[in-house]
């Protein structure tokens, strides 16, 4: 069994050396060359997947916007319809003080049918 040491300088060369020194080391060191090829493959995969990921994110965002817009339209319609119905509901309108429920109880009322104090 051989007692070979694996080179562990890849991160140091990649981080602290200029590109020329880094490339020279990779050409002469098979361990770092394999490590660099692994990172290049991962980088390539990330670049291939990025457009798909961004498209899905955009699709999800658009879906949320559509749901929010539908909710706002429905809520606005409901509020508008309820307000219209309450405005046109004649049960809230009193034409004279004699039609007031308070007046029918025998209590003093003003011209609008409200309790007079």
PDB file of N, CA and C in Angstrom:
ATOM      1  N   UNK A   1       0.845  -1.179   0.000  1.00  0.00           N
ATOM      2  CA  UNK A   1       0.000   0.000   0.000  1.00  0.00           C
ATOM      3  C   UNK A   1       0.885   1.235   0.000  1.00  0.00           C
ATOM      4  N   UNK A   2       0.683   2.059  -0.990  1.00  0.00           N
ATOM      5  CA  UNK A   2       1.500   3.260  -1.125  1.00  0.00           C
ATOM      6  C   UNK A   2       0.996   4.342  -0.181  1.00  0.00           C
ATOM      7  N   UNK A   3       1.912   5.115   0.298  1.00  0.00           N
ATOM      8  CA  UNK A   3       1.576   6.180   1.225  1.00  0.00           C
ATOM      9  C   UNK A   3       1.689   7.523   0.501  1.00  0.00           C
ATOM     10  N   UNK A   4       0.833   7.735  -0.504  1.00  0.00           N
ATOM     11  CA  UNK A   4       0.874   8.970  -1.291  1.00  0.00           C
ATOM     12  C   UNK A   4      -0.006  10.024  -0.638  1.00  0.00           C
ATOM     13  N   UNK A   5       0.476  11.244  -0.691  1.00  0.00           N
ATOM     14  CA  UNK A   5      -0.313  12.357  -0.166  1.00  0.00           C
ATOM     15  C   UNK A   5      -1.058  13.016  -1.308  1.00  0.00           C
ATOM     16  N   UNK A   6      -2.296  13.347  -1.037  1.00  0.00           N
ATOM     17  CA  UNK A   6      -3.107  14.056  -2.021  1.00  0.00           C
ATOM     18  C   UNK A   6      -2.850  15.557  -1.848  1.00  0.00           C
ATOM     19  N   UNK A   7      -2.772  16.256  -2.943  1.00  0.00           N
ATOM     20  CA  UNK A   7      -2.539  17.702  -2.902  1.00  0.00           C
ATOM     21  C   UNK A   7      -3.796  18.395  -2.368  1.00  0.00           C
ATOM     22  N   UNK A   8      -3.617  19.275  -1.419  1.00  0.00           N
ATOM     23  CA  UNK A   8      -4.754  19.998  -0.843  1.00  0.00           C
ATOM     24  C   UNK A   8      -4.600  21.509  -1.018  1.00  0.00           C
ATOM     25  N   UNK A   9      -3.940  21.895  -2.091  1.00  0.00           N
ATOM     26  CA  UNK A   9      -3.677  23.320  -2.332  1.00  0.00           C
ATOM     27  C   UNK A   9      -4.673  23.956  -3.306  1.00  0.00           C
ATOM     28  N   UNK A  10      -5.636  23.186  -3.762  1.00  0.00           N
ATOM     29  CA  UNK A  10      -6.560  23.716  -4.781  1.00  0.00           C
ATOM     30  C   UNK A  10      -7.254  24.991  -4.305  1.00  0.00           C
ATOM     31  N   UNK A  11      -7.860  24.954  -3.115  1.00  0.00           N
ATOM     32  CA  UNK A  11      -8.594  26.115  -2.616  1.00  0.00           C
ATOM     33  C   UNK A  11      -7.677  27.312  -2.426  1.00  0.00           C
ATOM     34  N   UNK A  12      -6.476  27.064  -1.907  1.00  0.00           N
ATOM     35  CA  UNK A  12      -5.533  28.168  -1.684  1.00  0.00           C
ATOM     36  C   UNK A  12      -5.110  28.804  -3.009  1.00  0.00           C
ATOM     37  N   UNK A  13      -4.779  27.971  -4.013  1.00  0.00           N
ATOM     38  CA  UNK A  13      -4.387  28.519  -5.314  1.00  0.00           C
ATOM     39  C   UNK A  13      -5.570  29.243  -5.971  1.00  0.00           C
ATOM     40  N   UNK A  14      -6.749  28.648  -5.883  1.00  0.00           N
ATOM     41  CA  UNK A  14      -7.931  29.242  -6.509  1.00  0.00           C
ATOM     42  C   UNK A  14      -8.276  30.579  -5.868  1.00  0.00           C
ATOM     43  N   UNK A  15      -8.108  30.667  -4.563  1.00  0.00           N
ATOM     44  CA  UNK A  15      -8.510  31.865  -3.834  1.00  0.00           C
ATOM     45  C   UNK A  15      -7.456  32.963  -3.851  1.00  0.00           C
ATOM     46  N   UNK A  16      -6.181  32.581  -3.653  1.00  0.00           N
ATOM     47  CA  UNK A  16      -5.168  33.603  -3.393  1.00  0.00           C
ATOM     48  C   UNK A  16      -4.182  33.844  -4.537  1.00  0.00           C
ATOM     49  N   UNK A  17      -4.109  32.988  -5.513  1.00  0.00           N
ATOM     50  CA  UNK A  17      -3.146  33.174  -6.603  1.00  0.00           C
ATOM     51  C   UNK A  17      -3.821  33.819  -7.806  1.00  0.00           C
ATOM     52  N   UNK A  18      -2.992  34.427  -8.652  1.00  0.00           N
ATOM     53  CA  UNK A  18      -3.560  34.973  -9.884  1.00  0.00           C
ATOM     54  C   UNK A  18      -3.888  33.819 -10.829  1.00  0.00           C
ATOM     55  N   UNK A  19      -4.593  34.123 -11.885  1.00  0.00           N
ATOM     56  CA  UNK A  19      -5.097  33.078 -12.781  1.00  0.00           C
ATOM     57  C   UNK A  19      -3.969  32.313 -13.469  1.00  0.00           C
ATOM     58  N   UNK A  20      -2.926  33.006 -13.814  1.00  0.00           N
ATOM     59  CA  UNK A  20      -1.802  32.359 -14.499  1.00  0.00           C
ATOM     60  C   UNK A  20      -1.123  31.322 -13.600  1.00  0.00           C
ATOM     61  N   UNK A  21      -0.857  31.681 -12.343  1.00  0.00           N
ATOM     62  CA  UNK A  21      -0.234  30.740 -11.402  1.00  0.00           C
ATOM     63  C   UNK A  21      -1.170  29.580 -11.114  1.00  0.00           C
ATOM     64  N   UNK A  22      -2.451  29.872 -11.013  1.00  0.00           N
ATOM     65  CA  UNK A  22      -3.445  28.827 -10.771  1.00  0.00           C
ATOM     66  C   UNK A  22      -3.448  27.826 -11.923  1.00  0.00           C
ATOM     67  N   UNK A  23      -3.459  28.310 -13.158  1.00  0.00           N
ATOM     68  CA  UNK A  23      -3.483  27.420 -14.329  1.00  0.00           C
ATOM     69  C   UNK A  23      -2.195  26.594 -14.429  1.00  0.00           C
ATOM     70  N   UNK A  24      -1.052  27.192 -14.098  1.00  0.00           N
ATOM     71  CA  UNK A  24       0.211  26.440 -14.114  1.00  0.00           C
ATOM     72  C   UNK A  24       0.163  25.301 -13.097  1.00  0.00           C
ATOM     73  N   UNK A  25      -0.358  25.578 -11.909  1.00  0.00           N
ATOM     74  CA  UNK A  25      -0.444  24.538 -10.880  1.00  0.00           C
ATOM     75  C   UNK A  25      -1.369  23.408 -11.332  1.00  0.00           C
ATOM     76  N   UNK A  26      -2.476  23.757 -11.932  1.00  0.00           N
ATOM     77  CA  UNK A  26      -3.427  22.734 -12.397  1.00  0.00           C
ATOM     78  C   UNK A  26      -2.798  21.854 -13.478  1.00  0.00           C
ATOM     79  N   UNK A  27      -1.998  22.444 -14.365  1.00  0.00           N
ATOM     80  CA  UNK A  27      -1.342  21.656 -15.416  1.00  0.00           C
ATOM     81  C   UNK A  27      -0.354  20.647 -14.836  1.00  0.00           C
ATOM     82  N   UNK A  28       0.284  20.977 -13.709  1.00  0.00           N
ATOM     83  CA  UNK A  28       1.325  20.128 -13.142  1.00  0.00           C
ATOM     84  C   UNK A  28       0.835  19.220 -12.015  1.00  0.00           C
ATOM     85  N   UNK A  29      -0.380  19.454 -11.494  1.00  0.00           N
ATOM     86  CA  UNK A  29      -0.870  18.673 -10.356  1.00  0.00           C
ATOM     87  C   UNK A  29      -2.124  17.902 -10.754  1.00  0.00           C
ATOM     88  N   UNK A  30      -2.053  16.567 -10.846  1.00  0.00           N
ATOM     89  CA  UNK A  30      -3.229  15.793 -11.277  1.00  0.00           C
ATOM     90  C   UNK A  30      -4.387  15.847 -10.263  1.00  0.00           C
ATOM     91  N   UNK A  31      -4.072  15.936  -8.970  1.00  0.00           N
ATOM     92  CA  UNK A  31      -5.146  16.006  -7.973  1.00  0.00           C
ATOM     93  C   UNK A  31      -5.963  17.287  -8.140  1.00  0.00           C
ATOM     94  N   UNK A  32      -5.273  18.402  -8.262  1.00  0.00           N
ATOM     95  CA  UNK A  32      -5.972  19.678  -8.425  1.00  0.00           C
ATOM     96  C   UNK A  32      -6.665  19.759  -9.778  1.00  0.00           C
ATOM     97  N   UNK A  33      -6.084  19.119 -10.779  1.00  0.00           N
ATOM     98  CA  UNK A  33      -6.718  19.108 -12.103  1.00  0.00           C
ATOM     99  C   UNK A  33      -8.066  18.377 -12.037  1.00  0.00           C
ATOM    100  N   UNK A  34      -8.095  17.223 -11.349  1.00  0.00           N
ATOM    101  CA  UNK A  34      -9.363  16.487 -11.185  1.00  0.00           C
ATOM    102  C   UNK A  34     -10.382  17.323 -10.408  1.00  0.00           C
ATOM    103  N   UNK A  35      -9.909  17.979  -9.354  1.00  0.00           N
ATOM    104  CA  UNK A  35     -10.789  18.835  -8.547  1.00  0.00           C
ATOM    105  C   UNK A  35     -11.367  19.966  -9.392  1.00  0.00           C
ATOM    106  N   UNK A  36     -10.503  20.582 -10.204  1.00  0.00           N
ATOM    107  CA  UNK A  36     -10.950  21.684 -11.059  1.00  0.00           C
ATOM    108  C   UNK A  36     -11.962  21.200 -12.094  1.00  0.00           C
ATOM    109  N   UNK A  37     -11.738  20.036 -12.674  1.00  0.00           N
ATOM    110  CA  UNK A  37     -12.685  19.484 -13.656  1.00  0.00           C
ATOM    111  C   UNK A  37     -14.034  19.204 -13.004  1.00  0.00           C
ATOM    112  N   UNK A  38     -14.007  18.730 -11.753  1.00  0.00           N
ATOM    113  CA  UNK A  38     -15.259  18.510 -11.019  1.00  0.00           C
ATOM    114  C   UNK A  38     -16.028  19.819 -10.849  1.00  0.00           C
ATOM    115  N   UNK A  39     -15.328  20.873 -10.455  1.00  0.00           N
ATOM    116  CA  UNK A  39     -15.983  22.169 -10.272  1.00  0.00           C
ATOM    117  C   UNK A  39     -16.489  22.739 -11.595  1.00  0.00           C
ATOM    118  N   UNK A  40     -15.755  22.496 -12.668  1.00  0.00           N
ATOM    119  CA  UNK A  40     -16.217  22.962 -13.983  1.00  0.00           C
ATOM    120  C   UNK A  40     -17.506  22.248 -14.396  1.00  0.00           C
ATOM    121  N   UNK A  41     -17.601  20.945 -14.105  1.00  0.00           N
ATOM    122  CA  UNK A  41     -18.821  20.200 -14.427  1.00  0.00           C
ATOM    123  C   UNK A  41     -20.014  20.743 -13.625  1.00  0.00           C
ATOM    124  N   UNK A  42     -19.777  20.998 -12.342  1.00  0.00           N
ATOM    125  CA  UNK A  42     -20.843  21.536 -11.501  1.00  0.00           C
ATOM    126  C   UNK A  42     -21.253  22.916 -12.008  1.00  0.00           C
ATOM    127  N   UNK A  43     -20.279  23.733 -12.353  1.00  0.00           N
ATOM    128  CA  UNK A  43     -20.563  25.069 -12.877  1.00  0.00           C
ATOM    129  C   UNK A  43     -21.387  24.993 -14.162  1.00  0.00           C
ATOM    130  N   UNK A  44     -21.038  24.049 -15.028  1.00  0.00           N
ATOM    131  CA  UNK A  44     -21.781  23.864 -16.279  1.00  0.00           C
ATOM    132  C   UNK A  44     -23.222  23.443 -15.997  1.00  0.00           C
ATOM    133  N   UNK A  45     -23.393  22.528 -15.046  1.00  0.00           N
ATOM    134  CA  UNK A  45     -24.753  22.091 -14.697  1.00  0.00           C
ATOM    135  C   UNK A  45     -25.583  23.236 -14.135  1.00  0.00           C
ATOM    136  N   UNK A  46     -24.970  24.051 -13.293  1.00  0.00           N
ATOM    137  CA  UNK A  46     -25.686  25.189 -12.717  1.00  0.00           C
ATOM    138  C   UNK A  46     -26.101  26.161 -13.819  1.00  0.00           C
ATOM    139  N   UNK A  47     -25.209  26.401 -14.772  1.00  0.00           N
ATOM    140  CA  UNK A  47     -25.536  27.307 -15.882  1.00  0.00           C
ATOM    141  C   UNK A  47     -26.665  26.754 -16.742  1.00  0.00           C
ATOM    142  N   UNK A  48     -26.732  25.429 -16.892  1.00  0.00           N
ATOM    143  CA  UNK A  48     -27.803  24.817 -17.683  1.00  0.00           C
ATOM    144  C   UNK A  48     -29.141  24.882 -16.957  1.00  0.00           C
ATOM    145  N   UNK A  49     -29.113  24.743 -15.654  1.00  0.00           N
ATOM    146  CA  UNK A  49     -30.348  24.696 -14.868  1.00  0.00           C
ATOM    147  C   UNK A  49     -30.879  26.098 -14.569  1.00  0.00           C
ATOM    148  N   UNK A  50     -30.024  27.096 -14.548  1.00  0.00           N
ATOM    149  CA  UNK A  50     -30.431  28.454 -14.163  1.00  0.00           C
ATOM    150  C   UNK A  50     -31.630  28.978 -14.954  1.00  0.00           C
ATOM    151  N   UNK A  51     -31.663  28.885 -16.295  1.00  0.00           N
ATOM    152  CA  UNK A  51     -32.840  29.406 -17.020  1.00  0.00           C
ATOM    153  C   UNK A  51     -34.143  28.687 -16.641  1.00  0.00           C
ATOM    154  N   UNK A  52     -34.069  27.382 -16.431  1.00  0.00           N
ATOM    155  CA  UNK A  52     -35.268  26.630 -16.048  1.00  0.00           C
ATOM    156  C   UNK A  52     -35.747  27.085 -14.674  1.00  0.00           C
ATOM    157  N   UNK A  53     -34.827  27.237 -13.747  1.00  0.00           N
ATOM    158  CA  UNK A  53     -35.171  27.686 -12.400  1.00  0.00           C
ATOM    159  C   UNK A  53     -35.779  29.079 -12.428  1.00  0.00           C
ATOM    160  N   UNK A  54     -35.163  29.985 -13.180  1.00  0.00           N
ATOM    161  CA  UNK A  54     -35.682  31.356 -13.262  1.00  0.00           C
ATOM    162  C   UNK A  54     -37.055  31.395 -13.914  1.00  0.00           C
ATOM    163  N   UNK A  55     -37.269  30.557 -14.921  1.00  0.00           N
ATOM    164  CA  UNK A  55     -38.582  30.496 -15.575  1.00  0.00           C
ATOM    165  C   UNK A  55     -39.649  30.007 -14.596  1.00  0.00           C
ATOM    166  N   UNK A  56     -39.299  29.012 -13.777  1.00  0.00           N
ATOM    167  CA  UNK A  56     -40.261  28.508 -12.790  1.00  0.00           C
ATOM    168  C   UNK A  56     -40.561  29.562 -11.733  1.00  0.00           C
ATOM    169  N   UNK A  57     -39.536  30.290 -11.312  1.00  0.00           N
ATOM    170  CA  UNK A  57     -39.746  31.352 -10.334  1.00  0.00           C
ATOM    171  C   UNK A  57     -40.672  32.420 -10.906  1.00  0.00           C
ATOM    172  N   UNK A  58     -40.451  32.791 -12.171  1.00  0.00           N
ATOM    173  CA  UNK A  58     -41.287  33.803 -12.814  1.00  0.00           C
ATOM    174  C   UNK A  58     -42.725  33.308 -12.945  1.00  0.00           C
ATOM    175  N   UNK A  59     -42.869  32.031 -13.319  1.00  0.00           N
ATOM    176  CA  UNK A  59     -44.205  31.437 -13.453  1.00  0.00           C
ATOM    177  C   UNK A  59     -44.931  31.426 -12.112  1.00  0.00           C
ATOM    178  N   UNK A  60     -44.215  31.080 -11.059  1.00  0.00           N
ATOM    179  CA  UNK A  60     -44.812  31.064  -9.714  1.00  0.00           C
ATOM    180  C   UNK A  60     -45.219  32.474  -9.296  1.00  0.00           C
ATOM    181  N   UNK A  61     -44.370  33.457  -9.581  1.00  0.00           N
ATOM    182  CA  UNK A  61     -44.677  34.847  -9.234  1.00  0.00           C
ATOM    183  C   UNK A  61     -45.904  35.331 -10.009  1.00  0.00           C
ATOM    184  N   UNK A  62     -45.958  35.002 -11.299  1.00  0.00           N
ATOM    185  CA  UNK A  62     -47.125  35.392 -12.101  1.00  0.00           C
ATOM    186  C   UNK A  62     -48.392  34.725 -11.596  1.00  0.00           C
ATOM    187  N   UNK A  63     -48.284  33.485 -11.153  1.00  0.00           N
ATOM    188  CA  UNK A  63     -49.445  32.776 -10.613  1.00  0.00           C
ATOM    189  C   UNK A  63     -49.960  33.471  -9.355  1.00  0.00           C
ATOM    190  N   UNK A  64     -49.041  33.882  -8.500  1.00  0.00           N
ATOM    191  CA  UNK A  64     -49.450  34.596  -7.285  1.00  0.00           C
ATOM    192  C   UNK A  64     -50.097  35.933  -7.623  1.00  0.00           C
ATOM    193  N   UNK A  65     -49.554  36.632  -8.616  1.00  0.00           N
ATOM    194  CA  UNK A  65     -50.133  37.910  -9.021  1.00  0.00           C
ATOM    195  C   UNK A  65     -51.543  37.724  -9.576  1.00  0.00           C
ATOM    196  N   UNK A  66     -51.739  36.665 -10.357  1.00  0.00           N
ATOM    197  CA  UNK A  66     -53.065  36.394 -10.908  1.00  0.00           C
ATOM    198  C   UNK A  66     -54.068  36.093  -9.788  1.00  0.00           C
ATOM    199  N   UNK A  67     -53.621  35.298  -8.807  1.00  0.00           N
ATOM    200  CA  UNK A  67     -54.514  34.979  -7.685  1.00  0.00           C
ATOM    201  C   UNK A  67     -54.864  36.231  -6.892  1.00  0.00           C
ATOM    202  N   UNK A  68     -53.879  37.083  -6.660  1.00  0.00           N
ATOM    203  CA  UNK A  68     -54.129  38.321  -5.913  1.00  0.00           C
ATOM    204  C   UNK A  68     -55.079  39.231  -6.685  1.00  0.00           C
ATOM    205  N   UNK A  69     -54.897  39.331  -8.009  1.00  0.00           N
ATOM    206  CA  UNK A  69     -55.779  40.173  -8.820  1.00  0.00           C
ATOM    207  C   UNK A  69     -57.212  39.646  -8.795  1.00  0.00           C
ATOM    208  N   UNK A  70     -57.384  38.333  -8.900  1.00  0.00           N
ATOM    209  CA  UNK A  70     -58.730  37.746  -8.837  1.00  0.00           C
ATOM    210  C   UNK A  70     -59.379  38.023  -7.484  1.00  0.00           C
ATOM    211  N   UNK A  71     -58.605  37.879  -6.414  1.00  0.00           N
ATOM    212  CA  UNK A  71     -59.132  38.143  -5.080  1.00  0.00           C
ATOM    213  C   UNK A  71     -59.586  39.590  -4.952  1.00  0.00           C
ATOM    214  N   UNK A  72     -58.786  40.517  -5.457  1.00  0.00           N
ATOM    215  CA  UNK A  72     -59.140  41.938  -5.372  1.00  0.00           C
ATOM    216  C   UNK A  72     -60.393  42.237  -6.184  1.00  0.00           C
ATOM    217  N   UNK A  73     -60.507  41.649  -7.371  1.00  0.00           N
ATOM    218  CA  UNK A  73     -61.693  41.873  -8.206  1.00  0.00           C
ATOM    219  C   UNK A  73     -62.938  41.329  -7.513  1.00  0.00           C
ATOM    220  N   UNK A  74     -62.842  40.132  -6.963  1.00  0.00           N
ATOM    221  CA  UNK A  74     -63.997  39.541  -6.287  1.00  0.00           C
ATOM    222  C   UNK A  74     -64.374  40.355  -5.054  1.00  0.00           C
ATOM    223  N   UNK A  75     -63.385  40.748  -4.268  1.00  0.00           N
ATOM    224  CA  UNK A  75     -63.649  41.535  -3.063  1.00  0.00           C
ATOM    225  C   UNK A  75     -64.261  42.888  -3.404  1.00  0.00           C
ATOM    226  N   UNK A  76     -63.740  43.536  -4.432  1.00  0.00           N
ATOM    227  CA  UNK A  76     -64.291  44.832  -4.849  1.00  0.00           C
ATOM    228  C   UNK A  76     -65.735  44.677  -5.328  1.00  0.00           C
ATOM    229  N   UNK A  77     -65.995  43.629  -6.092  1.00  0.00           N
ATOM    230  CA  UNK A  77     -67.366  43.384  -6.550  1.00  0.00           C
ATOM    231  C   UNK A  77     -68.314  43.113  -5.402  1.00  0.00           C
ATOM    232  N   UNK A  78     -67.864  42.324  -4.435  1.00  0.00           N
ATOM    233  CA  UNK A  78     -68.709  42.017  -3.276  1.00  0.00           C
ATOM    234  C   UNK A  78     -69.003  43.278  -2.469  1.00  0.00           C
ATOM    235  N   UNK A  79     -67.975  44.068  -2.220  1.00  0.00           N
ATOM    236  CA  UNK A  79     -68.178  45.299  -1.450  1.00  0.00           C
ATOM    237  C   UNK A  79     -69.085  46.263  -2.214  1.00  0.00           C
ATOM    238  N   UNK A  80     -68.854  46.383  -3.511  1.00  0.00           N
ATOM    239  CA  UNK A  80     -69.696  47.270  -4.312  1.00  0.00           C
ATOM    240  C   UNK A  80     -71.142  46.825  -4.337  1.00  0.00           C
ATOM    241  N   UNK A  81     -71.375  45.524  -4.503  1.00  0.00           N
ATOM    242  CA  UNK A  81     -72.735  45.005  -4.542  1.00  0.00           C
ATOM    243  C   UNK A  81     -73.418  45.196  -3.187  1.00  0.00           C
ATOM    244  N   UNK A  82     -72.680  44.920  -2.101  1.00  0.00           N
ATOM    245  CA  UNK A  82     -73.258  45.083  -0.770  1.00  0.00           C
ATOM    246  C   UNK A  82     -73.604  46.547  -0.503  1.00  0.00           C
ATOM    247  N   UNK A  83     -72.718  47.439  -0.880  1.00  0.00           N
ATOM    248  CA  UNK A  83     -72.989  48.867  -0.701  1.00  0.00           C
ATOM    249  C   UNK A  83     -74.172  49.323  -1.527  1.00  0.00           C
ATOM    250  N   UNK A  84     -74.271  48.846  -2.753  1.00  0.00           N
ATOM    251  CA  UNK A  84     -75.395  49.204  -3.618  1.00  0.00           C
ATOM    252  C   UNK A  84     -76.706  48.692  -3.030  1.00  0.00           C
ATOM    253  N   UNK A  85     -76.664  47.463  -2.532  1.00  0.00           N
ATOM    254  CA  UNK A  85     -77.881  46.874  -1.967  1.00  0.00           C
ATOM    255  C   UNK A  85     -78.322  47.624  -0.708  1.00  0.00           C
ATOM    256  N   UNK A  86     -77.333  47.994   0.142  1.00  0.00           N
ATOM    257  CA  UNK A  86     -77.691  48.734   1.352  1.00  0.00           C
ATOM    258  C   UNK A  86     -78.221  50.127   1.015  1.00  0.00           C
ATOM    259  N   UNK A  87     -77.655  50.758  -0.019  1.00  0.00           N
ATOM    260  CA  UNK A  87     -78.088  52.099  -0.407  1.00  0.00           C
ATOM    261  C   UNK A  87     -79.512  52.072  -0.943  1.00  0.00           C
ATOM    262  N   UNK A  88     -79.862  51.031  -1.663  1.00  0.00           N
ATOM    263  CA  UNK A  88     -81.188  50.935  -2.266  1.00  0.00           C
ATOM    264  C   UNK A  88     -82.197  50.188  -1.402  1.00  0.00           C
ATOM    265  N   UNK A  89     -81.795  49.784  -0.210  1.00  0.00           N
ATOM    266  CA  UNK A  89     -82.697  49.075   0.688  1.00  0.00           C
ATOM    267  C   UNK A  89     -83.596  50.096   1.393  1.00  0.00           C
ATOM    268  N   UNK A  90     -84.903  49.990   1.197  1.00  0.00           N
ATOM    269  CA  UNK A  90     -85.845  50.962   1.754  1.00  0.00           C
ATOM    270  C   UNK A  90     -86.125  50.741   3.239  1.00  0.00           C
ATOM    271  N   UNK A  91     -85.662  49.652   3.805  1.00  0.00           N
ATOM    272  CA  UNK A  91     -85.950  49.405   5.213  1.00  0.00           C
ATOM    273  C   UNK A  91     -85.203  50.376   6.121  1.00  0.00           C
ATOM    274  N   UNK A  92     -84.170  51.045   5.614  1.00  0.00           N
ATOM    275  CA  UNK A  92     -83.428  52.007   6.420  1.00  0.00           C
ATOM    276  C   UNK A  92     -83.993  53.419   6.299  1.00  0.00           C
ATOM    277  N   UNK A  93     -84.904  53.602   5.382  1.00  0.00           N
ATOM    278  CA  UNK A  93     -85.436  54.942   5.161  1.00  0.00           C
ATOM    279  C   UNK A  93     -86.764  55.113   5.901  1.00  0.00           C
ATOM    280  N   UNK A  94     -86.893  56.207   6.610  1.00  0.00           N
ATOM    281  CA  UNK A  94     -88.126  56.523   7.334  1.00  0.00           C
ATOM    282  C   UNK A  94     -88.673  57.813   6.722  1.00  0.00           C
ATOM    283  N   UNK A  95     -89.872  57.758   6.223  1.00  0.00           N
ATOM    284  CA  UNK A  95     -90.416  58.940   5.559  1.00  0.00           C
ATOM    285  C   UNK A  95     -91.019  59.933   6.550  1.00  0.00           C
ATOM    286  N   UNK A  96     -91.462  59.464   7.710  1.00  0.00           N
ATOM    287  CA  UNK A  96     -92.012  60.393   8.705  1.00  0.00           C
ATOM    288  C   UNK A  96     -91.765  59.834  10.102  1.00  0.00           C
ATOM    289  N   UNK A  97     -91.881  60.701  11.087  1.00  0.00           N
ATOM    290  CA  UNK A  97     -91.646  60.287  12.466  1.00  0.00           C
ATOM    291  C   UNK A  97     -92.692  59.283  12.927  1.00  0.00           C
ATOM    292  N   UNK A  98     -93.912  59.330  12.350  1.00  0.00           N
ATOM    293  CA  UNK A  98     -94.978  58.425  12.772  1.00  0.00           C
ATOM    294  C   UNK A  98     -94.685  56.975  12.384  1.00  0.00           C
ATOM    295  N   UNK A  99     -93.824  56.740  11.377  1.00  0.00           N
ATOM    296  CA  UNK A  99     -93.488  55.375  10.959  1.00  0.00           C
ATOM    297  C   UNK A  99     -92.335  54.797  11.778  1.00  0.00           C
ATOM    298  N   UNK A 100     -91.758  55.575  12.644  1.00  0.00           N
ATOM    299  CA  UNK A 100     -90.608  55.142  13.437  1.00  0.00           C
ATOM    300  C   UNK A 100     -91.033  54.144  14.500  1.00  0.00           C
ATOM    301  N   UNK A 101     -90.190  53.164  14.754  1.00  0.00           N
ATOM    302  CA  UNK A 101     -90.455  52.171  15.796  1.00  0.00           C
ATOM    303  C   UNK A 101     -90.446  52.825  17.169  1.00  0.00           C
ATOM    304  N   UNK A 102     -89.583  53.814  17.327  1.00  0.00           N
ATOM    305  CA  UNK A 102     -89.509  54.534  18.611  1.00  0.00           C
ATOM    306  C   UNK A 102     -90.815  55.283  18.857  1.00  0.00           C
ATOM    307  N   UNK A 103     -91.376  55.871  17.813  1.00  0.00           N
ATOM    308  CA  UNK A 103     -92.646  56.593  17.939  1.00  0.00           C
ATOM    309  C   UNK A 103     -93.768  55.632  18.308  1.00  0.00           C
ATOM    310  N   UNK A 104     -93.738  54.441  17.696  1.00  0.00           N
ATOM    311  CA  UNK A 104     -94.794  53.462  17.985  1.00  0.00           C
ATOM    312  C   UNK A 104     -94.719  52.953  19.427  1.00  0.00           C
ATOM    313  N   UNK A 105     -93.563  53.066  20.073  1.00  0.00           N
ATOM    314  CA  UNK A 105     -93.417  52.688  21.477  1.00  0.00           C
ATOM    315  C   UNK A 105     -93.928  53.773  22.412  1.00  0.00           C
ATOM    316  N   UNK A 106     -94.267  54.942  21.854  1.00  0.00           N
ATOM    317  CA  UNK A 106     -94.801  56.026  22.663  1.00  0.00           C
ATOM    318  C   UNK A 106     -93.720  56.950  23.200  1.00  0.00           C
ATOM    319  N   UNK A 107     -92.528  56.846  22.690  1.00  0.00           N
ATOM    320  CA  UNK A 107     -91.438  57.707  23.140  1.00  0.00           C
ATOM    321  C   UNK A 107     -91.382  58.962  22.275  1.00  0.00           C
ATOM    322  N   UNK A 108     -90.838  60.072  22.798  1.00  0.00           N
ATOM    323  CA  UNK A 108     -90.765  61.298  22.004  1.00  0.00           C
ATOM    324  C   UNK A 108     -89.729  61.159  20.881  1.00  0.00           C
ATOM    325  N   UNK A 109     -90.090  61.610  19.695  1.00  0.00           N
ATOM    326  CA  UNK A 109     -89.187  61.534  18.539  1.00  0.00           C
ATOM    327  C   UNK A 109     -89.074  62.896  17.880  1.00  0.00           C
ATOM    328  N   UNK A 110     -87.980  63.095  17.136  1.00  0.00           N
ATOM    329  CA  UNK A 110     -87.823  64.320  16.358  1.00  0.00           C
ATOM    330  C   UNK A 110     -88.447  64.119  14.984  1.00  0.00           C
ATOM    331  N   UNK A 111     -88.203  65.065  14.055  1.00  0.00           N
ATOM    332  CA  UNK A 111     -88.816  65.000  12.725  1.00  0.00           C
ATOM    333  C   UNK A 111     -88.313  63.796  11.916  1.00  0.00           C
ATOM    334  N   UNK A 112     -87.174  63.227  12.281  1.00  0.00           N
ATOM    335  CA  UNK A 112     -86.613  62.106  11.536  1.00  0.00           C
ATOM    336  C   UNK A 112     -86.964  60.760  12.141  1.00  0.00           C
ATOM    337  N   UNK A 113     -87.635  60.739  13.272  1.00  0.00           N
ATOM    338  CA  UNK A 113     -88.028  59.498  13.902  1.00  0.00           C
ATOM    339  C   UNK A 113     -87.029  58.992  14.917  1.00  0.00           C
ATOM    340  N   UNK A 114     -86.030  59.830  15.256  1.00  0.00           N
ATOM    341  CA  UNK A 114     -85.042  59.445  16.261  1.00  0.00           C
ATOM    342  C   UNK A 114     -85.521  59.881  17.643  1.00  0.00           C
ATOM    343  N   UNK A 115     -84.999  59.214  18.652  1.00  0.00           N
ATOM    344  CA  UNK A 115     -85.359  59.508  20.022  1.00  0.00           C
ATOM    345  C   UNK A 115     -84.951  60.938  20.382  1.00  0.00           C
ATOM    346  N   UNK A 116     -85.907  61.684  20.900  1.00  0.00           N
ATOM    347  CA  UNK A 116     -85.643  63.069  21.281  1.00  0.00           C
ATOM    348  C   UNK A 116     -85.475  63.120  22.789  1.00  0.00           C
ATOM    349  N   UNK A 117     -84.402  63.753  23.202  1.00  0.00           N
ATOM    350  CA  UNK A 117     -84.127  63.836  24.633  1.00  0.00           C
ATOM    351  C   UNK A 117     -84.480  65.175  25.194  1.00  0.00           C
TER     352      UNK A 117
END
